[in-house]
């Protein structure tokens, strides 16, 4: 399997002014030093999930469901970034990291790649009734805008169908998506065999809640914008706190212009394209 699932061949060639020099790498393991913080967080949260699963009595595990889900909600954007540009140099480390991310976020390895990278990023300017609408569509069949709850339910219910549909067109990513089910389902099967109640409370339920929250959170990225270009298609949150917690996911226009660029480089791109983004699509506060 390829170590670099960043889909840069699908990007439009950037103008010379949008080319950014990568920062120094950290050596043998990580491609970018900036990933040390998110990797440490993902591993720490996974350790917390494991401790609850192995050590907590049922009542404690039940009390931990919501805190685990909230903690995993901040793993979700890290997963998003990893699926655009793999974190580690070694493919085998990326596949292990895929599993840690999947067990916490409810999103299987390579599911982001299919649904988000080759689906949403290619089609996000198109909404129904367009014949090839965005996989994260926010309009109904008649073109009217969904509400946030309707969008969330629709995305949660249909994302697996869209993954398979896209996978049949992009078999390069369908194969690893299917192969990675083997270790993922093996781990989940062993967890359910060892302690089914704690497996549900420490892994499955927090993961599902995180998946639902991910769908809920993505509504604001594009809903209600009828774009004429990439520059007026996205909502941008420039809060330093928000972007610290999500690894610059708030700089969404820059991300869509250069989806294969590492998240730590997005502020530079955002600053350059800022005059082209409509002011009402820039939000400076966390909420």
C-alpha atoms as a PDB file:
ATOM      1  CA  UNK A   1       0.000   0.000   0.000  1.00  0.00           C
ATOM      2  CA  UNK A   2       1.191   3.481  -0.714  1.00  0.00           C
ATOM      3  CA  UNK A   3       2.471   5.478   2.200  1.00  0.00           C
ATOM      4  CA  UNK A   4       1.303   8.747   0.725  1.00  0.00           C
ATOM      5  CA  UNK A   5      -2.450   8.898   0.388  1.00  0.00           C
ATOM      6  CA  UNK A   6      -2.635  12.616  -0.247  1.00  0.00           C
ATOM      7  CA  UNK A   7      -4.175  12.491  -3.725  1.00  0.00           C
ATOM      8  CA  UNK A   8      -2.008  15.327  -4.988  1.00  0.00           C
ATOM      9  CA  UNK A   9      -2.460  14.094  -8.593  1.00  0.00           C
ATOM     10  CA  UNK A  10      -6.113  15.107  -8.268  1.00  0.00           C
ATOM     11  CA  UNK A  11      -5.199  18.674  -7.378  1.00  0.00           C
ATOM     12  CA  UNK A  12      -5.159  21.414  -9.926  1.00  0.00           C
ATOM     13  CA  UNK A  13      -1.595  22.585 -10.397  1.00  0.00           C
ATOM     14  CA  UNK A  14      -1.087  25.496  -7.985  1.00  0.00           C
ATOM     15  CA  UNK A  15       0.089  28.836  -9.209  1.00  0.00           C
ATOM     16  CA  UNK A  16       3.699  29.672  -8.331  1.00  0.00           C
ATOM     17  CA  UNK A  17       2.442  32.112  -5.698  1.00  0.00           C
ATOM     18  CA  UNK A  18       0.607  29.310  -3.884  1.00  0.00           C
ATOM     19  CA  UNK A  19       3.584  27.003  -3.698  1.00  0.00           C
ATOM     20  CA  UNK A  20       4.862  26.779  -0.138  1.00  0.00           C
ATOM     21  CA  UNK A  21       8.167  25.418   1.022  1.00  0.00           C
ATOM     22  CA  UNK A  22       7.760  22.520   3.453  1.00  0.00           C
ATOM     23  CA  UNK A  23       9.201  23.015   6.934  1.00  0.00           C
ATOM     24  CA  UNK A  24      12.063  20.795   8.114  1.00  0.00           C
ATOM     25  CA  UNK A  25      11.058  17.202   8.716  1.00  0.00           C
ATOM     26  CA  UNK A  26      11.722  15.443  11.972  1.00  0.00           C
ATOM     27  CA  UNK A  27      13.737  12.537  10.656  1.00  0.00           C
ATOM     28  CA  UNK A  28      12.984   8.853  10.530  1.00  0.00           C
ATOM     29  CA  UNK A  29       9.387   8.589  11.694  1.00  0.00           C
ATOM     30  CA  UNK A  30       7.295  11.707  11.046  1.00  0.00           C
ATOM     31  CA  UNK A  31       7.202  13.672   7.821  1.00  0.00           C
ATOM     32  CA  UNK A  32       6.556  16.945   9.679  1.00  0.00           C
ATOM     33  CA  UNK A  33       7.594  17.998  13.170  1.00  0.00           C
ATOM     34  CA  UNK A  34       4.206  19.661  13.641  1.00  0.00           C
ATOM     35  CA  UNK A  35       2.605  16.205  13.809  1.00  0.00           C
ATOM     36  CA  UNK A  36       4.277  15.343  17.106  1.00  0.00           C
ATOM     37  CA  UNK A  37       1.506  17.045  19.070  1.00  0.00           C
ATOM     38  CA  UNK A  38      -1.460  15.395  17.267  1.00  0.00           C
ATOM     39  CA  UNK A  39       0.241  11.985  17.280  1.00  0.00           C
ATOM     40  CA  UNK A  40       0.862  12.288  21.017  1.00  0.00           C
ATOM     41  CA  UNK A  41      -2.775  13.249  21.562  1.00  0.00           C
ATOM     42  CA  UNK A  42      -4.105  10.352  19.469  1.00  0.00           C
ATOM     43  CA  UNK A  43      -1.916   7.865  21.342  1.00  0.00           C
ATOM     44  CA  UNK A  44      -2.861   9.314  24.726  1.00  0.00           C
ATOM     45  CA  UNK A  45      -6.570   9.160  23.923  1.00  0.00           C
ATOM     46  CA  UNK A  46      -6.213   5.604  22.656  1.00  0.00           C
ATOM     47  CA  UNK A  47      -4.523   4.688  25.948  1.00  0.00           C
ATOM     48  CA  UNK A  48      -7.470   6.187  27.841  1.00  0.00           C
ATOM     49  CA  UNK A  49      -9.935   4.139  25.766  1.00  0.00           C
ATOM     50  CA  UNK A  50      -7.853   1.012  26.437  1.00  0.00           C
ATOM     51  CA  UNK A  51      -7.686   1.669  30.186  1.00  0.00           C
ATOM     52  CA  UNK A  52     -11.451   2.096  30.367  1.00  0.00           C
ATOM     53  CA  UNK A  53     -11.972  -1.073  28.340  1.00  0.00           C
ATOM     54  CA  UNK A  54      -9.605  -3.260  30.361  1.00  0.00           C
ATOM     55  CA  UNK A  55      -9.920  -1.846  33.874  1.00  0.00           C
ATOM     56  CA  UNK A  56     -13.210  -0.005  34.363  1.00  0.00           C
ATOM     57  CA  UNK A  57     -16.243  -1.658  35.938  1.00  0.00           C
ATOM     58  CA  UNK A  58     -19.393  -1.319  33.885  1.00  0.00           C
ATOM     59  CA  UNK A  59     -20.752   1.691  35.748  1.00  0.00           C
ATOM     60  CA  UNK A  60     -17.479   3.591  35.378  1.00  0.00           C
ATOM     61  CA  UNK A  61     -17.273   2.689  31.676  1.00  0.00           C
ATOM     62  CA  UNK A  62     -20.825   4.011  31.236  1.00  0.00           C
ATOM     63  CA  UNK A  63     -19.868   7.296  32.897  1.00  0.00           C
ATOM     64  CA  UNK A  64     -16.863   7.552  30.582  1.00  0.00           C
ATOM     65  CA  UNK A  65     -18.835   7.306  27.314  1.00  0.00           C
ATOM     66  CA  UNK A  66     -19.410  11.043  26.896  1.00  0.00           C
ATOM     67  CA  UNK A  67     -15.892  12.132  27.992  1.00  0.00           C
ATOM     68  CA  UNK A  68     -14.370   9.552  25.640  1.00  0.00           C
ATOM     69  CA  UNK A  69     -16.552  10.770  22.784  1.00  0.00           C
ATOM     70  CA  UNK A  70     -15.652  14.405  23.441  1.00  0.00           C
ATOM     71  CA  UNK A  71     -11.959  13.531  23.495  1.00  0.00           C
ATOM     72  CA  UNK A  72     -12.327  11.589  20.256  1.00  0.00           C
ATOM     73  CA  UNK A  73     -14.054  14.520  18.575  1.00  0.00           C
ATOM     74  CA  UNK A  74     -10.637  16.201  18.501  1.00  0.00           C
ATOM     75  CA  UNK A  75      -9.100  13.037  17.053  1.00  0.00           C
ATOM     76  CA  UNK A  76     -11.458  13.321  14.056  1.00  0.00           C
ATOM     77  CA  UNK A  77      -9.746  16.342  12.418  1.00  0.00           C
ATOM     78  CA  UNK A  78      -6.376  14.662  12.966  1.00  0.00           C
ATOM     79  CA  UNK A  79      -7.751  11.631  11.132  1.00  0.00           C
ATOM     80  CA  UNK A  80      -8.937  13.916   8.329  1.00  0.00           C
ATOM     81  CA  UNK A  81      -5.478  15.421   7.898  1.00  0.00           C
ATOM     82  CA  UNK A  82      -3.767  12.024   8.034  1.00  0.00           C
ATOM     83  CA  UNK A  83      -5.962  10.693   5.227  1.00  0.00           C
ATOM     84  CA  UNK A  84      -4.984  13.620   3.005  1.00  0.00           C
ATOM     85  CA  UNK A  85      -1.272  13.304   3.741  1.00  0.00           C
ATOM     86  CA  UNK A  86      -0.068  10.319   5.734  1.00  0.00           C
ATOM     87  CA  UNK A  87       1.721  11.228   8.925  1.00  0.00           C
ATOM     88  CA  UNK A  88       4.583   8.743   9.032  1.00  0.00           C
ATOM     89  CA  UNK A  89       7.292   7.925   6.538  1.00  0.00           C
ATOM     90  CA  UNK A  90       6.894   4.163   6.920  1.00  0.00           C
ATOM     91  CA  UNK A  91       3.741   2.613   5.387  1.00  0.00           C
ATOM     92  CA  UNK A  92       3.392   0.086   8.220  1.00  0.00           C
ATOM     93  CA  UNK A  93       3.330   2.877  10.819  1.00  0.00           C
ATOM     94  CA  UNK A  94       0.637   4.667   8.835  1.00  0.00           C
ATOM     95  CA  UNK A  95      -1.491   1.529   8.773  1.00  0.00           C
ATOM     96  CA  UNK A  96      -1.150   1.077  12.556  1.00  0.00           C
ATOM     97  CA  UNK A  97      -2.008   4.745  13.017  1.00  0.00           C
ATOM     98  CA  UNK A  98      -5.049   4.217  10.759  1.00  0.00           C
ATOM     99  CA  UNK A  99      -6.319   1.638  13.240  1.00  0.00           C
ATOM    100  CA  UNK A 100      -5.802   3.885  16.275  1.00  0.00           C
ATOM    101  CA  UNK A 101      -7.717   6.641  14.496  1.00  0.00           C
ATOM    102  CA  UNK A 102     -10.508   4.349  13.306  1.00  0.00           C
ATOM    103  CA  UNK A 103     -11.131   2.828  16.737  1.00  0.00           C
ATOM    104  CA  UNK A 104     -11.605   6.300  18.202  1.00  0.00           C
ATOM    105  CA  UNK A 105     -13.540   8.079  15.451  1.00  0.00           C
ATOM    106  CA  UNK A 106     -15.831   5.403  14.030  1.00  0.00           C
ATOM    107  CA  UNK A 107     -14.406   6.005  10.544  1.00  0.00           C
ATOM    108  CA  UNK A 108     -12.653   2.991   9.013  1.00  0.00           C
ATOM    109  CA  UNK A 109      -9.206   3.215   7.390  1.00  0.00           C
ATOM    110  CA  UNK A 110      -9.380   4.626   3.846  1.00  0.00           C
ATOM    111  CA  UNK A 111     -13.045   5.578   4.291  1.00  0.00           C
ATOM    112  CA  UNK A 112     -12.004   9.242   4.422  1.00  0.00           C
ATOM    113  CA  UNK A 113      -9.898   8.736   1.300  1.00  0.00           C
ATOM    114  CA  UNK A 114     -12.842   7.430  -0.697  1.00  0.00           C
ATOM    115  CA  UNK A 115     -15.726   9.511   0.611  1.00  0.00           C
ATOM    116  CA  UNK A 116     -13.864  12.726   1.305  1.00  0.00           C
ATOM    117  CA  UNK A 117     -10.754  12.925  -0.888  1.00  0.00           C
ATOM    118  CA  UNK A 118     -11.996  11.445  -4.168  1.00  0.00           C
ATOM    119  CA  UNK A 119     -15.636  12.312  -3.470  1.00  0.00           C
ATOM    120  CA  UNK A 120     -16.228  15.544  -1.579  1.00  0.00           C
ATOM    121  CA  UNK A 121     -13.079  17.363  -2.705  1.00  0.00           C
ATOM    122  CA  UNK A 122     -13.830  16.660  -6.354  1.00  0.00           C
ATOM    123  CA  UNK A 123     -17.552  17.454  -6.220  1.00  0.00           C
ATOM    124  CA  UNK A 124     -18.051  19.921  -3.356  1.00  0.00           C
ATOM    125  CA  UNK A 125     -18.897  22.787  -5.716  1.00  0.00           C
ATOM    126  CA  UNK A 126     -21.836  20.722  -7.037  1.00  0.00           C
ATOM    127  CA  UNK A 127     -25.069  20.390  -5.083  1.00  0.00           C
ATOM    128  CA  UNK A 128     -28.304  18.674  -6.046  1.00  0.00           C
ATOM    129  CA  UNK A 129     -29.978  18.754  -8.519  1.00  0.00           C
ATOM    130  CA  UNK A 130     -26.551  18.636 -10.192  1.00  0.00           C
ATOM    131  CA  UNK A 131     -26.135  15.183 -11.821  1.00  0.00           C
ATOM    132  CA  UNK A 132     -22.905  14.540  -9.886  1.00  0.00           C
ATOM    133  CA  UNK A 133     -23.470  16.151  -6.493  1.00  0.00           C
ATOM    134  CA  UNK A 134     -21.147  16.461  -3.537  1.00  0.00           C
ATOM    135  CA  UNK A 135     -20.932  13.312  -1.391  1.00  0.00           C
ATOM    136  CA  UNK A 136     -21.396  15.610   1.626  1.00  0.00           C
ATOM    137  CA  UNK A 137     -24.407  17.183  -0.038  1.00  0.00           C
ATOM    138  CA  UNK A 138     -26.396  19.773   1.867  1.00  0.00           C
ATOM    139  CA  UNK A 139     -29.308  20.157  -0.568  1.00  0.00           C
ATOM    140  CA  UNK A 140     -32.377  18.025  -1.169  1.00  0.00           C
ATOM    141  CA  UNK A 141     -33.270  16.584  -4.563  1.00  0.00           C
ATOM    142  CA  UNK A 142     -35.196  19.748  -5.440  1.00  0.00           C
ATOM    143  CA  UNK A 143     -32.185  21.931  -4.620  1.00  0.00           C
ATOM    144  CA  UNK A 144     -33.535  23.329  -1.350  1.00  0.00           C
ATOM    145  CA  UNK A 145     -31.174  23.502   1.609  1.00  0.00           C
ATOM    146  CA  UNK A 146     -31.261  20.840   4.314  1.00  0.00           C
ATOM    147  CA  UNK A 147     -31.207  21.804   7.957  1.00  0.00           C
ATOM    148  CA  UNK A 148     -28.269  20.700  10.077  1.00  0.00           C
ATOM    149  CA  UNK A 149     -30.060  17.760  11.702  1.00  0.00           C
ATOM    150  CA  UNK A 150     -31.370  16.482   8.355  1.00  0.00           C
ATOM    151  CA  UNK A 151     -27.896  16.830   6.812  1.00  0.00           C
ATOM    152  CA  UNK A 152     -26.294  14.932   9.697  1.00  0.00           C
ATOM    153  CA  UNK A 153     -28.757  12.058   9.499  1.00  0.00           C
ATOM    154  CA  UNK A 154     -28.489  11.899   5.709  1.00  0.00           C
ATOM    155  CA  UNK A 155     -24.683  11.812   5.805  1.00  0.00           C
ATOM    156  CA  UNK A 156     -24.497   9.181   8.548  1.00  0.00           C
ATOM    157  CA  UNK A 157     -27.010   6.943   6.754  1.00  0.00           C
ATOM    158  CA  UNK A 158     -25.553   7.256   3.258  1.00  0.00           C
ATOM    159  CA  UNK A 159     -21.793   7.595   3.686  1.00  0.00           C
ATOM    160  CA  UNK A 160     -21.108   3.846   3.558  1.00  0.00           C
ATOM    161  CA  UNK A 161     -23.120   3.511   0.341  1.00  0.00           C
ATOM    162  CA  UNK A 162     -21.174   6.379  -1.197  1.00  0.00           C
ATOM    163  CA  UNK A 163     -17.870   4.833  -0.090  1.00  0.00           C
ATOM    164  CA  UNK A 164     -18.642   1.596  -1.929  1.00  0.00           C
ATOM    165  CA  UNK A 165     -19.912   3.479  -4.996  1.00  0.00           C
ATOM    166  CA  UNK A 166     -16.745   5.561  -5.142  1.00  0.00           C
ATOM    167  CA  UNK A 167     -14.598   2.534  -4.394  1.00  0.00           C
ATOM    168  CA  UNK A 168     -15.920   0.725  -7.447  1.00  0.00           C
ATOM    169  CA  UNK A 169     -14.675   3.673  -9.522  1.00  0.00           C
ATOM    170  CA  UNK A 170     -11.384   4.034  -7.618  1.00  0.00           C
ATOM    171  CA  UNK A 171     -10.236   0.484  -6.950  1.00  0.00           C
ATOM    172  CA  UNK A 172      -6.768   1.708  -6.004  1.00  0.00           C
ATOM    173  CA  UNK A 173      -8.343   2.841  -2.716  1.00  0.00           C
ATOM    174  CA  UNK A 174     -11.102   0.238  -2.455  1.00  0.00           C
ATOM    175  CA  UNK A 175      -8.573  -2.580  -2.075  1.00  0.00           C
ATOM    176  CA  UNK A 176      -6.810  -1.139   1.002  1.00  0.00           C
ATOM    177  CA  UNK A 177     -10.196  -0.052   2.379  1.00  0.00           C
ATOM    178  CA  UNK A 178     -11.327  -3.683   2.279  1.00  0.00           C
ATOM    179  CA  UNK A 179      -8.012  -5.177   3.420  1.00  0.00           C
ATOM    180  CA  UNK A 180      -7.861  -2.891   6.450  1.00  0.00           C
ATOM    181  CA  UNK A 181     -11.229  -4.259   7.540  1.00  0.00           C
ATOM    182  CA  UNK A 182      -9.402  -7.468   8.500  1.00  0.00           C
ATOM    183  CA  UNK A 183      -7.275  -6.052  11.347  1.00  0.00           C
ATOM    184  CA  UNK A 184      -9.991  -3.577  12.349  1.00  0.00           C
ATOM    185  CA  UNK A 185     -12.711  -6.201  12.640  1.00  0.00           C
ATOM    186  CA  UNK A 186     -10.289  -8.617  14.297  1.00  0.00           C
ATOM    187  CA  UNK A 187      -9.573  -6.082  17.040  1.00  0.00           C
ATOM    188  CA  UNK A 188     -13.261  -5.286  17.473  1.00  0.00           C
ATOM    189  CA  UNK A 189     -14.175  -8.976  17.466  1.00  0.00           C
ATOM    190  CA  UNK A 190     -11.599  -9.777  20.145  1.00  0.00           C
ATOM    191  CA  UNK A 191     -12.772  -6.820  22.224  1.00  0.00           C
ATOM    192  CA  UNK A 192     -16.394  -7.961  21.999  1.00  0.00           C
ATOM    193  CA  UNK A 193     -15.370 -11.500  22.911  1.00  0.00           C
ATOM    194  CA  UNK A 194     -13.256 -10.369  25.877  1.00  0.00           C
ATOM    195  CA  UNK A 195     -15.714  -7.889  27.374  1.00  0.00           C
ATOM    196  CA  UNK A 196     -18.739  -7.090  25.185  1.00  0.00           C
ATOM    197  CA  UNK A 197     -20.207  -4.452  27.491  1.00  0.00           C
ATOM    198  CA  UNK A 198     -16.987  -2.494  27.870  1.00  0.00           C
ATOM    199  CA  UNK A 199     -16.256  -2.888  24.161  1.00  0.00           C
ATOM    200  CA  UNK A 200     -19.569  -1.196  23.474  1.00  0.00           C
ATOM    201  CA  UNK A 201     -19.085   1.512  26.108  1.00  0.00           C
ATOM    202  CA  UNK A 202     -15.388   2.276  25.562  1.00  0.00           C
ATOM    203  CA  UNK A 203     -15.043   1.780  21.799  1.00  0.00           C
ATOM    204  CA  UNK A 204     -18.208   1.364  19.747  1.00  0.00           C
ATOM    205  CA  UNK A 205     -20.520   3.949  21.316  1.00  0.00           C
ATOM    206  CA  UNK A 206     -17.922   6.749  21.657  1.00  0.00           C
ATOM    207  CA  UNK A 207     -16.826   6.047  18.083  1.00  0.00           C
ATOM    208  CA  UNK A 208     -20.387   6.301  16.796  1.00  0.00           C
ATOM    209  CA  UNK A 209     -21.008   9.531  18.712  1.00  0.00           C
ATOM    210  CA  UNK A 210     -17.790  10.933  17.260  1.00  0.00           C
ATOM    211  CA  UNK A 211     -18.894   9.935  13.761  1.00  0.00           C
ATOM    212  CA  UNK A 212     -22.234  11.704  14.247  1.00  0.00           C
ATOM    213  CA  UNK A 213     -20.487  14.793  15.585  1.00  0.00           C
ATOM    214  CA  UNK A 214     -18.116  14.782  12.604  1.00  0.00           C
ATOM    215  CA  UNK A 215     -21.095  14.841  10.256  1.00  0.00           C
ATOM    216  CA  UNK A 216     -22.736  17.566  12.343  1.00  0.00           C
ATOM    217  CA  UNK A 217     -19.566  19.694  12.367  1.00  0.00           C
ATOM    218  CA  UNK A 218     -19.039  19.528   8.611  1.00  0.00           C
ATOM    219  CA  UNK A 219     -22.400  21.131   7.858  1.00  0.00           C
ATOM    220  CA  UNK A 220     -21.091  24.636   8.426  1.00  0.00           C
ATOM    221  CA  UNK A 221     -18.112  24.141   6.113  1.00  0.00           C
ATOM    222  CA  UNK A 222     -20.144  24.705   2.944  1.00  0.00           C
ATOM    223  CA  UNK A 223     -23.900  24.734   3.611  1.00  0.00           C
ATOM    224  CA  UNK A 224     -25.731  27.742   2.222  1.00  0.00           C
ATOM    225  CA  UNK A 225     -22.935  28.878  -0.073  1.00  0.00           C
ATOM    226  CA  UNK A 226     -23.676  28.705  -3.790  1.00  0.00           C
ATOM    227  CA  UNK A 227     -20.135  29.122  -5.075  1.00  0.00           C
ATOM    228  CA  UNK A 228     -18.808  30.629  -8.247  1.00  0.00           C
ATOM    229  CA  UNK A 229     -15.261  29.439  -7.468  1.00  0.00           C
ATOM    230  CA  UNK A 230     -13.172  27.761  -4.772  1.00  0.00           C
ATOM    231  CA  UNK A 231     -12.752  31.112  -3.037  1.00  0.00           C
ATOM    232  CA  UNK A 232     -16.417  31.602  -2.106  1.00  0.00           C
ATOM    233  CA  UNK A 233     -17.302  27.962  -1.411  1.00  0.00           C
ATOM    234  CA  UNK A 234     -16.223  27.504   2.209  1.00  0.00           C
ATOM    235  CA  UNK A 235     -16.729  28.836   5.718  1.00  0.00           C
ATOM    236  CA  UNK A 236     -13.473  29.814   7.419  1.00  0.00           C
ATOM    237  CA  UNK A 237     -12.971  29.919  11.176  1.00  0.00           C
ATOM    238  CA  UNK A 238      -9.835  31.898  11.977  1.00  0.00           C
ATOM    239  CA  UNK A 239     -10.000  31.531  15.765  1.00  0.00           C
ATOM    240  CA  UNK A 240      -6.501  30.597  17.025  1.00  0.00           C
ATOM    241  CA  UNK A 241      -8.040  28.285  19.621  1.00  0.00           C
ATOM    242  CA  UNK A 242     -10.221  26.525  17.047  1.00  0.00           C
ATOM    243  CA  UNK A 243      -7.310  26.039  14.686  1.00  0.00           C
ATOM    244  CA  UNK A 244      -5.024  24.828  17.459  1.00  0.00           C
ATOM    245  CA  UNK A 245      -7.570  22.174  18.438  1.00  0.00           C
ATOM    246  CA  UNK A 246      -8.373  21.133  14.856  1.00  0.00           C
ATOM    247  CA  UNK A 247      -4.918  21.589  13.316  1.00  0.00           C
ATOM    248  CA  UNK A 248      -5.987  24.479  11.079  1.00  0.00           C
ATOM    249  CA  UNK A 249      -9.165  22.860   9.775  1.00  0.00           C
ATOM    250  CA  UNK A 250     -10.809  26.268  10.092  1.00  0.00           C
ATOM    251  CA  UNK A 251      -8.716  27.555   7.186  1.00  0.00           C
ATOM    252  CA  UNK A 252     -11.024  25.677   4.909  1.00  0.00           C
ATOM    253  CA  UNK A 253     -10.695  27.576   1.657  1.00  0.00           C
ATOM    254  CA  UNK A 254      -6.923  27.120   1.748  1.00  0.00           C
ATOM    255  CA  UNK A 255      -7.422  23.431   2.458  1.00  0.00           C
ATOM    256  CA  UNK A 256      -9.710  22.989  -0.545  1.00  0.00           C
ATOM    257  CA  UNK A 257      -7.326  24.872  -2.800  1.00  0.00           C
ATOM    258  CA  UNK A 258      -4.418  22.657  -1.729  1.00  0.00           C
ATOM    259  CA  UNK A 259      -5.845  19.463  -0.172  1.00  0.00           C
ATOM    260  CA  UNK A 260      -2.530  17.644  -0.405  1.00  0.00           C
ATOM    261  CA  UNK A 261      -0.634  20.285   1.564  1.00  0.00           C
ATOM    262  CA  UNK A 262       0.256  19.562   5.187  1.00  0.00           C
ATOM    263  CA  UNK A 263      -2.046  21.276   7.664  1.00  0.00           C
ATOM    264  CA  UNK A 264       0.819  23.247   9.239  1.00  0.00           C
ATOM    265  CA  UNK A 265       1.306  25.119   5.941  1.00  0.00           C
ATOM    266  CA  UNK A 266      -2.301  26.281   5.578  1.00  0.00           C
ATOM    267  CA  UNK A 267      -1.906  29.629   7.430  1.00  0.00           C
ATOM    268  CA  UNK A 268       0.574  30.789   4.792  1.00  0.00           C
ATOM    269  CA  UNK A 269      -1.825  29.913   1.970  1.00  0.00           C
ATOM    270  CA  UNK A 270      -4.795  31.434   3.827  1.00  0.00           C
ATOM    271  CA  UNK A 271      -2.943  34.727   4.291  1.00  0.00           C
ATOM    272  CA  UNK A 272      -2.186  34.896   0.585  1.00  0.00           C
ATOM    273  CA  UNK A 273      -5.723  34.209  -0.619  1.00  0.00           C
ATOM    274  CA  UNK A 274      -7.495  36.191   2.118  1.00  0.00           C
ATOM    275  CA  UNK A 275      -8.418  39.124  -0.184  1.00  0.00           C
ATOM    276  CA  UNK A 276     -10.276  36.694  -2.462  1.00  0.00           C
ATOM    277  CA  UNK A 277     -12.474  35.218   0.299  1.00  0.00           C
ATOM    278  CA  UNK A 278     -15.799  37.029   0.928  1.00  0.00           C
ATOM    279  CA  UNK A 279     -15.683  38.691   4.379  1.00  0.00           C
ATOM    280  CA  UNK A 280     -18.940  37.072   5.500  1.00  0.00           C
ATOM    281  CA  UNK A 281     -17.297  33.656   5.058  1.00  0.00           C
ATOM    282  CA  UNK A 282     -14.605  34.429   7.629  1.00  0.00           C
ATOM    283  CA  UNK A 283     -15.477  33.947  11.299  1.00  0.00           C
ATOM    284  CA  UNK A 284     -12.868  35.123  13.830  1.00  0.00           C
ATOM    285  CA  UNK A 285     -14.245  33.607  17.048  1.00  0.00           C
ATOM    286  CA  UNK A 286     -14.444  30.022  18.272  1.00  0.00           C
ATOM    287  CA  UNK A 287     -18.251  29.826  18.433  1.00  0.00           C
END
